[in-house]
């Protein structure tokens, strides 16, 4: 069925969530007058080309106010039936494509065409829901279930505008409902959509029927999709069909279920942990985001507390996704989400301060330091993320208790600071200098006794290199930070006269350092 409509030249204007302009409505209506309404409806779902289908959907969107209630209801049912997530092995990130052959191009094109068609269907359904002629005859449990697949945008089967349209439709459905009715819809989705999928994935891994009671209790929350279990065709197929549930879970946890919320958690958590254990970095990232919302919403609940150790074990695996085995763009998103969440869980799980500090020290020793060494020659972007985590989440919590790893951190950071290539990234240099400043603040006695001359030497070398180009605004800011650090280093010294004498000796050999040591106190 083709040739009936010509694609509108302005159709690309509406590959978003904007309303149709009055000017374009005139053109669209002139087309619709030439074609029977039933034919337009058929074209929007069964047209031979995606241009036919999308143009017809745009015409229908403009015609909604003039349709009869029975026509609108029939149309809404067809739209809902077509709102499905394409079952394919999605490309989660452009960095996944080292080489793009014809098969990959065909696959990308197929996915983009699918997303465009779904966007126009979501536009159409939004118009249906807001129509005064729309009578509530559809099953809103199924409606919300379908819309939930597009609730989060950072997934390969959706995008920003599809998410906006989905959320708009959901808001229209839920806005006038009482809390108990909202709870009913959410719990129905849980039991009708999520619970059966959890049962499926558990059955696929039922290998030992003689599990003891404790193992039986936790069987549902053991991760199944990733490294912890042998891969199988059945599990791969399960993943292909059900990765869309990440978006559904993202939708559900945004609505606080007041009744039976523990039953809600018993379904969400084990299903989520299966995705968190998946080997795909982007799936881990989305799972971390959802888990973070759950923790923030239910962290005082005893059921959640019983899962903390399992969450921690799962999150530690995320910290290993580093370049060059993992694309930088994917690694940066996952690490930025996983580290803060893991540290938050440590703080919730380990209530004893000494035990918490011990775990944070091990996190620095076993992950942060090793990761810095692994990426410093590969990605300044990842290095900056690691330093942000170190400074903003770890040093700020540990303060003087960071001493057990201070020596290793100093060695790593000072070697970075005097690396000429690091100077090309002023933001990175600033972060290193601020971390060293915090060391001087919290561990001044140790700095004075062991690292004073290491700091003085590194600051001096960095200053000389930056001072060669004072016309650079970034360099001027860094020079000021270095001067401040020298003053703080001096304050950390028990024998300030000796420090002043050392600075004077440096000045005698190189008077270009005058501004570095320039101070009323020196």
Protein backbone atom coordinates (compact mmCIF):
# COMPACT_ATOMS: atom_id res chain seq x y z
CA UNK A 1 0.00 0.00 0.00
CA UNK A 2 1.98 3.00 -1.25
CA UNK A 3 1.82 5.98 -3.56
CA UNK A 4 -1.29 7.38 -1.87
CA UNK A 5 0.60 10.04 0.10
CA UNK A 6 3.66 12.09 -0.64
CA UNK A 7 6.00 12.57 2.33
CA UNK A 8 5.66 16.04 3.82
CA UNK A 9 8.74 18.19 3.25
CA UNK A 10 8.46 19.40 6.85
CA UNK A 11 8.05 16.02 8.53
CA UNK A 12 11.55 16.21 10.06
CA UNK A 13 10.34 19.22 12.05
CA UNK A 14 8.22 16.83 14.09
CA UNK A 15 10.73 14.16 14.99
CA UNK A 16 10.42 15.59 18.50
CA UNK A 17 7.63 16.38 20.98
CA UNK A 18 6.53 19.75 19.53
CA UNK A 19 2.91 20.40 18.56
CA UNK A 20 1.99 20.74 14.88
CA UNK A 21 2.00 24.39 13.80
CA UNK A 22 -1.15 26.00 12.37
CA UNK A 23 0.62 26.59 9.08
CA UNK A 24 1.54 22.93 8.70
CA UNK A 25 -1.93 21.84 9.82
CA UNK A 26 -3.36 23.53 6.73
CA UNK A 27 -1.04 21.54 4.47
CA UNK A 28 -1.68 18.29 6.33
CA UNK A 29 -5.46 18.74 6.18
CA UNK A 30 -5.29 19.37 2.45
CA UNK A 31 -3.64 15.95 2.09
CA UNK A 32 -6.12 14.24 4.37
CA UNK A 33 -9.08 15.49 2.34
CA UNK A 34 -7.79 13.48 -0.61
CA UNK A 35 -7.59 10.15 1.22
CA UNK A 36 -10.17 8.10 3.09
CA UNK A 37 -9.64 8.07 6.88
CA UNK A 38 -9.57 4.27 7.04
CA UNK A 39 -6.95 4.23 4.34
CA UNK A 40 -4.83 6.73 6.31
CA UNK A 41 -5.09 4.55 9.41
CA UNK A 42 -4.05 1.47 7.45
CA UNK A 43 -1.15 3.37 5.89
CA UNK A 44 0.11 4.51 9.29
CA UNK A 45 0.54 0.88 10.38
CA UNK A 46 0.99 -1.09 7.16
CA UNK A 47 2.42 1.38 4.65
CA UNK A 48 5.12 -0.05 2.38
CA UNK A 49 7.64 2.62 3.35
CA UNK A 50 8.42 4.23 6.68
CA UNK A 51 7.80 7.62 5.02
CA UNK A 52 4.21 6.52 4.29
CA UNK A 53 3.75 5.28 7.85
CA UNK A 54 5.16 8.41 9.49
CA UNK A 55 3.31 10.84 7.20
CA UNK A 56 0.05 8.99 7.83
CA UNK A 57 0.65 9.08 11.60
CA UNK A 58 1.18 12.84 11.42
CA UNK A 59 -2.09 13.23 9.46
CA UNK A 60 -3.92 11.15 12.07
CA UNK A 61 -2.48 13.31 14.83
CA UNK A 62 -4.01 16.37 13.19
CA UNK A 63 -7.36 14.61 12.66
CA UNK A 64 -7.88 13.35 16.23
CA UNK A 65 -10.16 16.26 17.28
CA UNK A 66 -12.54 15.47 14.39
CA UNK A 67 -12.76 11.70 14.88
CA UNK A 68 -15.63 9.90 16.57
CA UNK A 69 -15.02 8.26 19.97
CA UNK A 70 -15.31 4.78 18.46
CA UNK A 71 -12.71 5.65 15.82
CA UNK A 72 -10.37 7.06 18.46
CA UNK A 73 -10.71 3.99 20.65
CA UNK A 74 -10.07 1.65 17.74
CA UNK A 75 -7.06 3.74 16.77
CA UNK A 76 -5.69 3.79 20.31
CA UNK A 77 -5.82 -0.01 20.46
CA UNK A 78 -3.87 -0.29 17.23
CA UNK A 79 -1.29 2.25 18.43
CA UNK A 80 -0.79 0.38 21.69
CA UNK A 81 -0.39 -2.92 19.88
CA UNK A 82 2.37 -1.38 17.75
CA UNK A 83 4.27 0.10 20.73
CA UNK A 84 6.85 -2.63 21.11
CA UNK A 85 10.59 -2.61 21.59
CA UNK A 86 12.47 -4.08 18.66
CA UNK A 87 14.10 -7.36 19.69
CA UNK A 88 17.66 -7.07 18.44
CA UNK A 89 21.21 -7.01 19.71
CA UNK A 90 21.41 -3.24 20.16
CA UNK A 91 24.52 -1.15 19.65
CA UNK A 92 24.71 0.69 22.96
CA UNK A 93 27.49 3.06 22.04
CA UNK A 94 29.14 4.33 18.86
CA UNK A 95 32.50 3.41 20.35
CA UNK A 96 31.46 -0.23 20.06
CA UNK A 97 31.98 0.01 16.31
CA UNK A 98 35.65 -0.44 15.51
CA UNK A 99 34.69 -1.26 11.93
CA UNK A 100 31.39 -0.52 10.23
CA UNK A 101 30.51 -3.00 7.51
CA UNK A 102 27.35 -3.20 5.40
CA UNK A 103 25.61 -5.46 7.92
CA UNK A 104 26.21 -2.96 10.72
CA UNK A 105 25.00 -0.07 8.57
CA UNK A 106 21.83 -2.01 7.75
CA UNK A 107 21.29 -2.76 11.42
CA UNK A 108 21.78 0.87 12.47
CA UNK A 109 19.41 2.02 9.73
CA UNK A 110 16.79 -0.51 10.83
CA UNK A 111 16.98 0.66 14.45
CA UNK A 112 16.75 4.34 13.52
CA UNK A 113 13.73 3.72 11.26
CA UNK A 114 12.08 1.75 14.07
CA UNK A 115 12.70 4.56 16.59
CA UNK A 116 11.30 7.16 14.22
CA UNK A 117 8.13 5.14 13.69
CA UNK A 118 7.68 4.63 17.43
CA UNK A 119 8.17 8.35 18.01
CA UNK A 120 5.30 9.18 15.64
CA UNK A 121 3.14 6.54 17.34
CA UNK A 122 3.90 8.12 20.72
CA UNK A 123 3.01 11.54 19.31
CA UNK A 124 -0.25 10.09 18.07
CA UNK A 125 -1.06 8.44 21.39
CA UNK A 126 -0.35 11.66 23.28
CA UNK A 127 -2.91 13.40 21.07
CA UNK A 128 -5.42 10.60 21.65
CA UNK A 129 -5.08 10.80 25.43
CA UNK A 130 -5.62 14.55 25.47
CA UNK A 131 -8.60 14.42 23.11
CA UNK A 132 -12.01 15.30 24.54
CA UNK A 133 -13.47 12.48 22.42
CA UNK A 134 -11.34 9.80 24.04
CA UNK A 135 -13.38 7.41 26.18
CA UNK A 136 -11.51 5.33 28.73
CA UNK A 137 -12.02 1.80 27.47
CA UNK A 138 -8.45 0.53 27.24
CA UNK A 139 -6.58 -1.46 29.87
CA UNK A 140 -4.37 1.18 31.48
CA UNK A 141 -2.21 -1.49 33.10
CA UNK A 142 -1.14 -2.59 29.64
CA UNK A 143 -0.93 1.02 28.46
CA UNK A 144 1.45 1.99 31.27
CA UNK A 145 3.45 -1.17 30.70
CA UNK A 146 3.98 -0.27 27.03
CA UNK A 147 4.78 3.37 27.77
CA UNK A 148 7.26 2.35 30.47
CA UNK A 149 9.56 0.82 27.84
CA UNK A 150 10.41 4.35 26.70
CA UNK A 151 10.55 6.00 30.13
CA UNK A 152 14.34 6.44 30.22
CA UNK A 153 16.11 8.02 27.27
CA UNK A 154 19.67 6.77 27.60
CA UNK A 155 18.86 3.40 26.03
CA UNK A 156 19.34 2.43 22.37
CA UNK A 157 15.64 1.81 21.65
CA UNK A 158 14.55 5.26 22.82
CA UNK A 159 15.72 8.86 22.73
CA UNK A 160 15.11 12.20 24.43
CA UNK A 161 11.85 12.98 22.62
CA UNK A 162 10.41 9.50 22.87
CA UNK A 163 11.02 9.69 26.61
CA UNK A 164 9.33 13.09 26.84
CA UNK A 165 6.32 11.80 24.93
CA UNK A 166 6.12 8.64 27.03
CA UNK A 167 6.30 10.60 30.28
CA UNK A 168 3.70 13.06 29.04
CA UNK A 169 1.29 10.20 28.30
CA UNK A 170 1.96 8.62 31.70
CA UNK A 171 1.35 11.95 33.46
CA UNK A 172 -1.98 12.36 31.66
CA UNK A 173 -3.07 8.88 32.78
CA UNK A 174 -1.98 9.22 36.41
CA UNK A 175 -2.53 12.89 37.21
CA UNK A 176 -6.14 12.61 38.44
CA UNK A 177 -5.78 9.27 40.20
CA UNK A 178 -5.69 8.76 43.95
CA UNK A 179 -2.58 7.18 45.45
CA UNK A 180 -4.28 3.82 45.99
CA UNK A 181 -5.19 3.66 42.30
CA UNK A 182 -1.62 4.52 41.29
CA UNK A 183 -0.37 1.80 43.63
CA UNK A 184 -2.75 -0.65 41.99
CA UNK A 185 -1.42 0.11 38.50
CA UNK A 186 2.22 -0.11 39.60
CA UNK A 187 1.78 -3.38 41.49
CA UNK A 188 -0.12 -4.85 38.55
CA UNK A 189 2.77 -4.02 36.22
CA UNK A 190 5.14 -5.61 38.73
CA UNK A 191 3.19 -8.85 38.88
CA UNK A 192 2.12 -9.02 35.23
CA UNK A 193 5.34 -7.89 33.53
CA UNK A 194 8.35 -8.09 35.84
CA UNK A 195 7.63 -11.09 38.05
CA UNK A 196 7.14 -13.58 35.16
CA UNK A 197 10.46 -12.45 33.66
CA UNK A 198 12.22 -13.02 36.99
CA UNK A 199 10.74 -16.52 37.23
CA UNK A 200 11.95 -17.23 33.69
CA UNK A 201 15.56 -16.23 34.31
CA UNK A 202 15.68 -18.18 37.57
CA UNK A 203 14.40 -21.34 35.85
CA UNK A 204 17.08 -21.01 33.19
CA UNK A 205 19.71 -21.40 35.90
CA UNK A 206 18.12 -24.06 38.11
CA UNK A 207 21.08 -26.46 38.20
CA UNK A 208 21.04 -27.74 41.78
CA UNK A 209 17.80 -28.71 43.45
CA UNK A 210 19.51 -29.67 46.72
CA UNK A 211 20.35 -26.16 47.81
CA UNK A 212 20.38 -25.45 51.49
CA UNK A 213 17.85 -23.10 52.99
CA UNK A 214 20.07 -20.03 52.82
CA UNK A 215 20.97 -20.60 49.19
CA UNK A 216 17.31 -21.16 48.39
CA UNK A 217 16.47 -17.86 50.04
CA UNK A 218 19.01 -15.95 47.97
CA UNK A 219 18.65 -17.89 44.72
CA UNK A 220 16.40 -15.22 43.27
CA UNK A 221 18.96 -12.49 43.69
CA UNK A 222 21.99 -14.31 42.33
CA UNK A 223 23.08 -12.57 39.10
CA UNK A 224 22.61 -14.80 36.07
CA UNK A 225 23.40 -12.86 32.91
CA UNK A 226 27.06 -12.01 33.18
CA UNK A 227 30.37 -13.46 34.24
CA UNK A 228 29.08 -15.38 37.24
CA UNK A 229 27.24 -17.99 35.16
CA UNK A 230 27.98 -19.87 31.98
CA UNK A 231 26.41 -18.17 29.00
CA UNK A 232 23.72 -20.06 27.12
CA UNK A 233 21.51 -19.56 24.12
CA UNK A 234 18.46 -19.38 26.39
CA UNK A 235 19.96 -16.66 28.56
CA UNK A 236 21.04 -14.66 25.51
CA UNK A 237 17.51 -14.90 24.16
CA UNK A 238 16.09 -13.85 27.54
CA UNK A 239 18.33 -10.80 27.54
CA UNK A 240 17.37 -9.93 23.95
CA UNK A 241 13.68 -9.93 24.87
CA UNK A 242 13.86 -8.33 28.29
CA UNK A 243 16.55 -5.64 28.40
CA UNK A 244 13.69 -3.19 27.84
CA UNK A 245 12.63 -3.93 31.43
CA UNK A 246 15.42 -1.63 32.60
CA UNK A 247 13.24 1.24 31.46
CA UNK A 248 10.16 -0.27 33.11
CA UNK A 249 12.03 -0.50 36.41
CA UNK A 250 13.16 3.10 35.99
CA UNK A 251 9.51 4.05 35.61
CA UNK A 252 8.26 2.04 38.59
CA UNK A 253 10.74 3.32 41.15
CA UNK A 254 9.81 6.91 40.35
CA UNK A 255 6.41 6.23 41.90
CA UNK A 256 6.56 5.41 45.59
CA UNK A 257 4.42 2.36 46.25
CA UNK A 258 2.92 2.86 49.69
CA UNK A 259 1.27 -0.54 50.08
CA UNK A 260 3.14 -3.84 49.91
CA UNK A 261 6.37 -2.06 49.02
CA UNK A 262 8.44 -4.98 50.35
CA UNK A 263 6.84 -7.29 47.79
CA UNK A 264 7.68 -4.63 45.23
CA UNK A 265 11.35 -4.70 46.29
CA UNK A 266 11.48 -8.50 46.27
CA UNK A 267 10.71 -8.45 42.56
CA UNK A 268 12.68 -5.37 41.49
CA UNK A 269 15.95 -6.10 43.30
CA UNK A 270 16.71 -9.63 42.03
CA UNK A 271 15.72 -8.69 38.50
CA UNK A 272 17.90 -5.59 38.64
CA UNK A 273 20.88 -7.55 39.95
CA UNK A 274 20.68 -9.81 36.92
CA UNK A 275 21.15 -6.77 34.70
CA UNK A 276 23.83 -5.31 36.97
CA UNK A 277 25.85 -8.49 36.42
CA UNK A 278 25.55 -8.31 32.64
CA UNK A 279 28.84 -7.96 30.77
CA UNK A 280 27.58 -5.00 28.69
CA UNK A 281 28.94 -1.82 30.26
CA UNK A 282 25.95 0.34 29.32
CA UNK A 283 23.51 -2.12 30.87
CA UNK A 284 25.56 -2.01 34.07
CA UNK A 285 25.40 1.79 33.95
CA UNK A 286 21.61 1.87 33.68
CA UNK A 287 21.35 -0.72 36.45
CA UNK A 288 23.56 1.41 38.71
CA UNK A 289 21.33 4.43 38.13
CA UNK A 290 18.22 2.47 39.05
CA UNK A 291 19.90 0.90 42.08
CA UNK A 292 20.97 4.35 43.25
CA UNK A 293 17.35 5.52 43.16
CA UNK A 294 16.25 2.45 45.11
CA UNK A 295 18.91 2.98 47.78
CA UNK A 296 18.03 6.65 48.19
CA UNK A 297 14.33 5.86 48.41
CA UNK A 298 14.38 2.79 50.65
CA UNK A 299 17.74 2.86 52.47
CA UNK A 300 16.05 2.77 55.90
CA UNK A 301 14.17 -0.41 55.06
CA UNK A 302 15.44 -3.58 56.71
CA UNK A 303 14.89 -5.62 53.55
CA UNK A 304 17.19 -3.31 51.58
CA UNK A 305 19.77 -3.47 54.37
CA UNK A 306 19.87 -7.25 54.06
CA UNK A 307 20.99 -6.87 50.42
CA UNK A 308 23.84 -4.38 51.01
CA UNK A 309 26.62 -6.99 50.86
CA UNK A 310 25.31 -8.34 47.55
CA UNK A 311 25.03 -4.83 46.11
CA UNK A 312 28.62 -4.11 47.13
CA UNK A 313 29.97 -7.27 45.47
CA UNK A 314 28.10 -6.48 42.26
CA UNK A 315 29.26 -2.86 42.15
CA UNK A 316 32.93 -3.75 42.61
CA UNK A 317 32.83 -5.51 39.24
CA UNK A 318 31.80 -2.24 37.61
CA UNK A 319 35.06 -0.60 38.71
CA UNK A 320 37.07 -2.85 36.39
CA UNK A 321 35.60 -1.39 33.18
CA UNK A 322 38.59 0.70 32.11
CA UNK A 323 40.17 1.67 28.80
CA UNK A 324 41.40 0.23 26.57
CA UNK A 325 39.21 -2.84 26.97
CA UNK A 326 36.20 -0.57 27.54
CA UNK A 327 35.49 2.49 25.36
CA UNK A 328 36.23 5.73 27.20
CA UNK A 329 32.71 7.14 26.84
CA UNK A 330 31.16 4.02 28.38
CA UNK A 331 33.78 3.65 31.10
CA UNK A 332 33.42 7.28 32.21
CA UNK A 333 29.64 6.98 32.64
CA UNK A 334 29.83 3.71 34.54
CA UNK A 335 32.64 4.76 36.89
CA UNK A 336 30.96 8.10 37.62
CA UNK A 337 27.84 6.24 38.71
CA UNK A 338 29.32 3.14 40.37
CA UNK A 339 31.96 4.68 42.64
CA UNK A 340 29.68 7.16 44.50
CA UNK A 341 27.01 4.47 44.89
CA UNK A 342 29.52 1.96 46.25
CA UNK A 343 30.88 4.48 48.75
CA UNK A 344 27.34 5.34 49.83
CA UNK A 345 26.66 1.64 50.43
CA UNK A 346 29.86 1.32 52.45
CA UNK A 347 28.67 4.17 54.65
CA UNK A 348 25.28 2.53 55.13
CA UNK A 349 26.59 -1.00 55.66
CA UNK A 350 29.64 -0.39 57.86
CA UNK A 351 28.37 1.58 60.83
CA UNK A 352 31.62 1.29 62.79
CA UNK A 353 33.93 4.14 61.73
CA UNK A 354 37.15 2.15 61.92
CA UNK A 355 35.64 -0.64 59.81
CA UNK A 356 34.31 1.86 57.28
CA UNK A 357 37.69 3.58 57.02
CA UNK A 358 39.37 0.23 56.50
CA UNK A 359 37.04 -0.52 53.57
CA UNK A 360 37.61 2.91 52.04
CA UNK A 361 41.37 2.46 52.32
CA UNK A 362 41.07 -0.90 50.55
CA UNK A 363 38.96 0.75 47.85
CA UNK A 364 41.76 3.24 47.22
CA UNK A 365 44.45 0.57 47.35
CA UNK A 366 42.75 -2.13 45.28
CA UNK A 367 40.84 0.00 42.77
CA UNK A 368 41.65 3.73 42.66
CA UNK A 369 45.45 3.42 42.65
CA UNK A 370 45.49 0.48 40.26
CA UNK A 371 43.04 2.26 37.94
CA UNK A 372 45.09 5.48 37.94
CA UNK A 373 48.15 3.49 36.91
CA UNK A 374 46.16 1.69 34.21
CA UNK A 375 44.61 4.77 32.56
CA UNK A 376 47.13 7.60 33.02
CA UNK A 377 48.64 6.95 29.59
CA UNK A 378 45.30 6.16 27.95
CA UNK A 379 42.63 8.63 29.07
CA UNK A 380 42.86 11.94 30.91
CA UNK A 381 39.05 11.91 31.06
CA UNK A 382 38.95 8.70 33.13
CA UNK A 383 41.91 9.89 35.19
CA UNK A 384 40.02 13.05 36.11
CA UNK A 385 36.97 11.02 37.16
CA UNK A 386 39.15 8.85 39.42
CA UNK A 387 40.75 11.92 40.99
CA UNK A 388 37.32 13.48 41.54
CA UNK A 389 36.18 10.33 43.34
CA UNK A 390 39.37 10.28 45.39
CA UNK A 391 39.09 13.91 46.46
CA UNK A 392 35.33 14.41 46.78
CA UNK A 393 34.29 11.06 48.26
CA UNK A 394 37.31 9.40 49.86
CA UNK A 395 39.76 12.00 51.18
CA UNK A 396 36.88 14.14 52.44
CA UNK A 397 35.64 11.17 54.50
CA UNK A 398 38.95 9.72 55.63
CA UNK A 399 40.88 12.92 56.38
CA UNK A 400 43.92 11.94 58.51
CA UNK A 401 42.92 8.27 58.33
CA UNK A 402 44.15 8.21 54.74
CA UNK A 403 47.71 7.85 56.06
CA UNK A 404 47.98 4.07 55.28
CA UNK A 405 47.87 4.83 51.53
CA UNK A 406 49.37 8.33 51.65
CA UNK A 407 52.80 7.21 50.46
CA UNK A 408 51.45 5.42 47.37
CA UNK A 409 49.09 8.29 46.58
CA UNK A 410 51.89 10.83 46.87
CA UNK A 411 54.13 8.83 44.55
CA UNK A 412 51.40 8.52 41.94
CA UNK A 413 50.14 12.10 42.13
CA UNK A 414 53.55 13.79 42.22
CA UNK A 415 54.71 11.79 39.21
CA UNK A 416 51.57 12.90 37.39
CA UNK A 417 52.10 16.52 38.37
CA UNK A 418 55.59 16.71 36.84
CA UNK A 419 54.54 14.87 33.67
CA UNK A 420 54.78 17.44 30.82
CA UNK A 421 51.78 15.92 29.06
CA UNK A 422 49.56 16.37 32.12
CA UNK A 423 50.20 20.13 31.90
CA UNK A 424 48.19 20.10 28.67
CA UNK A 425 45.09 19.51 30.82
CA UNK A 426 44.76 22.44 33.28
CA UNK A 427 41.69 20.87 34.90
CA UNK A 428 43.70 17.76 35.70
CA UNK A 429 46.61 19.77 37.15
CA UNK A 430 44.16 21.76 39.28
CA UNK A 431 42.62 18.59 40.66
CA UNK A 432 46.03 17.11 41.55
CA UNK A 433 47.09 20.32 43.29
CA UNK A 434 43.86 20.44 45.31
CA UNK A 435 44.27 16.82 46.41
CA UNK A 436 47.83 17.53 47.54
CA UNK A 437 46.52 20.59 49.35
CA UNK A 438 44.08 18.39 51.26
CA UNK A 439 46.92 16.05 52.19
CA UNK A 440 48.78 19.03 53.62
CA UNK A 441 45.65 20.05 55.49
CA UNK A 442 44.80 16.68 57.03
CA UNK A 443 48.22 15.01 57.29
CA UNK A 444 50.52 17.99 57.86
CA UNK A 445 52.74 16.24 60.42
CA UNK A 446 53.50 13.37 58.01
CA UNK A 447 53.97 15.77 55.09
CA UNK A 448 56.47 17.82 57.10
CA UNK A 449 58.51 14.81 58.17
CA UNK A 450 58.46 12.72 54.99
CA UNK A 451 57.22 14.55 51.90
CA UNK A 452 58.04 18.25 52.34
CA UNK A 453 60.86 18.26 49.80
CA UNK A 454 58.96 16.04 47.37
CA UNK A 455 56.15 18.60 47.38
CA UNK A 456 58.51 21.56 47.13
CA UNK A 457 60.35 20.00 44.20
CA UNK A 458 57.17 19.06 42.31
CA UNK A 459 55.60 22.50 42.87
CA UNK A 460 58.80 24.20 41.70
CA UNK A 461 59.12 22.11 38.53
CA UNK A 462 55.45 22.65 37.67
CA UNK A 463 55.74 26.39 38.31
CA UNK A 464 58.75 26.76 36.02
CA UNK A 465 57.00 24.94 33.18
CA UNK A 466 53.81 26.96 33.54
CA UNK A 467 55.66 30.24 33.98
CA UNK A 468 57.07 29.97 30.48
CA UNK A 469 53.61 30.83 29.11
CA UNK A 470 51.99 33.40 31.39
CA UNK A 471 49.82 34.63 28.51
CA UNK A 472 47.72 31.50 28.97
CA UNK A 473 44.81 32.35 31.30
CA UNK A 474 44.61 28.78 32.56
CA UNK A 475 48.29 28.91 33.43
CA UNK A 476 47.81 32.11 35.43
CA UNK A 477 45.15 30.41 37.55
CA UNK A 478 47.40 27.40 38.11
CA UNK A 479 50.32 29.63 39.07
CA UNK A 480 48.16 31.23 41.73
CA UNK A 481 47.13 27.81 43.08
CA UNK A 482 50.80 26.81 43.21
CA UNK A 483 51.68 29.95 45.18
CA UNK A 484 48.88 29.18 47.63
CA UNK A 485 50.11 25.59 47.95
CA UNK A 486 53.60 26.81 48.78
CA UNK A 487 52.15 28.92 51.60
CA UNK A 488 50.15 25.96 52.91
CA UNK A 489 53.23 23.74 52.70
CA UNK A 490 55.14 26.31 54.74
CA UNK A 491 52.39 26.35 57.37
CA UNK A 492 52.60 22.57 57.67
CA UNK A 493 56.29 22.81 58.57
CA UNK A 494 57.28 22.75 62.20
CA UNK A 495 60.55 24.54 61.37
CA UNK A 496 59.42 27.40 59.16
CA UNK A 497 62.80 29.11 59.23
CA UNK A 498 64.43 26.05 57.72
CA UNK A 499 61.76 26.00 55.00
CA UNK A 500 62.35 29.71 54.27
CA UNK A 501 66.07 29.05 54.04
CA UNK A 502 65.49 26.26 51.53
CA UNK A 503 63.33 28.58 49.42
CA UNK A 504 66.03 31.27 49.53
CA UNK A 505 68.59 28.80 48.23
CA UNK A 506 66.32 27.95 45.32
CA UNK A 507 65.86 31.64 44.57
CA UNK A 508 69.62 32.19 44.51
CA UNK A 509 69.92 29.62 41.76
CA UNK A 510 66.82 30.71 39.81
CA UNK A 511 65.30 34.14 40.31
CA UNK A 512 62.36 33.23 38.05
CA UNK A 513 60.92 31.55 41.15
CA UNK A 514 60.52 34.88 42.91
CA UNK A 515 56.75 35.02 42.44
CA UNK A 516 56.34 31.44 43.61
CA UNK A 517 57.90 32.21 46.97
CA UNK A 518 56.78 35.83 47.15
CA UNK A 519 55.01 36.32 50.47
CA UNK A 520 55.22 38.61 53.47
CA UNK A 521 56.12 35.51 55.47
CA UNK A 522 58.91 34.22 53.22
